[in-house]
Amino acid sequence: MTRRFPFLRTKLARLLAINLAIGVSLAVLLVGGLMLLNPGHLRELILADRSPGVALGLLLFGFIVTLGSTAMGTAIMAMGMHERKDDGPRGGLRVVAQEAVQRAARR
């Protein structure tokens, strides 16, 4: 696999590829569920068209772009959460709140 796709040797590329595959799988399941459940006669509308493959492909492509990018973005944003140690407040209102608690404890 790495001979065919040498970019998959990096951790980030593997992470993105795996999460893209998850997003594509969810998109296929969602479109399949929509076709199975037929909400608002969507299946009938798509299949009544002269070229139902185009309509189905566009629907699937939209879901793949949406869910694939969501899964990839979520994975990237969650990368640092496992390595970060909580050493206390890092700024903002947490510092103000901690100082207020310390002042109240001294009184």
Protein backbone atom coordinates (compact mmCIF):
# COMPACT_ATOMS: atom_id res chain seq x y z
CA MET A 1 0.00 0.00 0.00
CA THR A 2 2.78 2.44 0.83
CA ARG A 3 4.55 1.72 -2.47
CA ARG A 4 1.47 2.73 -4.43
CA PHE A 5 0.60 5.65 -2.19
CA PRO A 6 3.80 6.97 -0.58
CA PHE A 7 2.02 10.00 0.90
CA LEU A 8 0.13 7.65 3.26
CA ARG A 9 3.35 7.16 5.23
CA THR A 10 2.73 10.39 7.09
CA LYS A 11 0.41 10.33 10.07
CA LEU A 12 -1.58 13.36 8.93
CA ALA A 13 -2.31 11.91 5.47
CA ARG A 14 -3.43 8.61 7.00
CA LEU A 15 -5.63 10.46 9.50
CA LEU A 16 -7.26 12.49 6.74
CA ALA A 17 -7.71 9.47 4.45
CA ILE A 18 -9.32 7.39 7.19
CA ASN A 19 -11.69 10.19 8.18
CA LEU A 20 -12.54 10.91 4.55
CA ALA A 21 -13.45 7.23 4.16
CA ILE A 22 -15.65 7.50 7.24
CA GLY A 23 -17.37 10.56 5.79
CA VAL A 24 -17.90 8.84 2.42
CA SER A 25 -19.34 5.79 4.17
CA LEU A 26 -21.75 7.95 6.15
CA ALA A 27 -22.76 9.78 2.98
CA VAL A 28 -23.49 6.54 1.15
CA LEU A 29 -25.50 5.27 4.13
CA LEU A 30 -27.45 8.52 4.33
CA VAL A 31 -28.29 8.61 0.63
CA GLY A 32 -29.23 4.93 0.77
CA GLY A 33 -31.45 5.64 3.76
CA LEU A 34 -33.07 8.54 1.96
CA MET A 35 -33.77 6.36 -1.04
CA LEU A 36 -35.12 3.60 1.18
CA LEU A 37 -37.35 5.80 3.36
CA ASN A 38 -38.48 8.00 0.45
CA PRO A 39 -39.21 11.21 2.43
CA GLY A 40 -41.32 13.65 0.46
CA HIS A 41 -41.35 11.19 -2.47
CA LEU A 42 -37.67 11.91 -3.13
CA ARG A 43 -36.97 8.45 -4.57
CA GLU A 44 -39.89 8.72 -6.94
CA LEU A 45 -38.78 12.18 -8.03
CA ILE A 46 -35.22 11.04 -8.71
CA LEU A 47 -36.22 7.86 -10.53
CA ALA A 48 -38.83 9.66 -12.65
CA ASP A 49 -36.11 11.83 -14.20
CA ARG A 50 -34.65 11.01 -17.63
CA SER A 51 -31.20 10.58 -16.08
CA PRO A 52 -31.62 9.49 -12.47
CA GLY A 53 -27.91 8.71 -12.19
CA VAL A 54 -27.00 12.37 -12.51
CA ALA A 55 -29.44 13.43 -9.80
CA LEU A 56 -28.34 10.61 -7.52
CA GLY A 57 -24.67 11.37 -8.19
CA LEU A 58 -25.09 15.06 -7.40
CA LEU A 59 -26.95 14.24 -4.20
CA LEU A 60 -24.25 11.77 -3.20
CA PHE A 61 -21.46 14.19 -4.11
CA GLY A 62 -23.00 16.91 -1.95
CA PHE A 63 -23.24 14.60 1.04
CA ILE A 64 -19.68 13.31 0.49
CA VAL A 65 -18.27 16.84 0.42
CA THR A 66 -20.24 17.82 3.52
CA LEU A 67 -19.71 14.74 5.67
CA GLY A 68 -16.18 14.02 4.46
CA SER A 69 -14.95 17.52 5.22
CA THR A 70 -16.75 17.48 8.57
CA ALA A 71 -15.09 14.21 9.59
CA MET A 72 -11.67 15.42 8.44
CA GLY A 73 -12.03 18.79 10.16
CA THR A 74 -13.17 17.19 13.39
CA ALA A 75 -10.18 14.86 13.36
CA ILE A 76 -7.76 17.73 12.80
CA MET A 77 -9.28 19.83 15.56
CA ALA A 78 -9.18 16.89 17.98
CA MET A 79 -5.51 16.10 17.31
CA GLY A 80 -4.07 18.24 20.09
CA MET A 81 -6.58 17.22 22.72
CA HIS A 82 -4.79 13.97 23.54
CA GLU A 83 -1.38 15.57 23.96
CA ARG A 84 -2.34 18.68 25.91
CA LYS A 85 -1.97 18.71 29.66
CA ASP A 86 -4.33 20.83 31.70
CA ASP A 87 -1.90 23.00 33.65
CA GLY A 88 -4.53 25.44 34.72
CA PRO A 89 -6.04 28.48 33.10
CA ARG A 90 -4.46 29.83 29.93
CA GLY A 91 -6.04 33.26 29.85
CA GLY A 92 -9.30 35.04 29.38
CA LEU A 93 -12.03 34.85 31.99
CA ARG A 94 -10.54 31.74 33.57
CA VAL A 95 -7.62 33.79 34.91
CA VAL A 96 -9.96 36.43 36.29
CA ALA A 97 -12.12 33.77 37.92
CA GLN A 98 -9.12 32.00 39.43
CA GLU A 99 -7.75 35.27 40.84
CA ALA A 100 -11.15 36.06 42.34
CA VAL A 101 -11.27 32.65 44.01
CA GLN A 102 -7.75 33.12 45.38
CA ARG A 103 -8.63 36.58 46.75
CA ALA A 104 -11.76 35.20 48.40
CA ALA A 105 -9.77 32.37 49.97
CA ARG A 106 -7.26 34.82 51.47
CA ARG A 107 -10.00 36.80 53.26
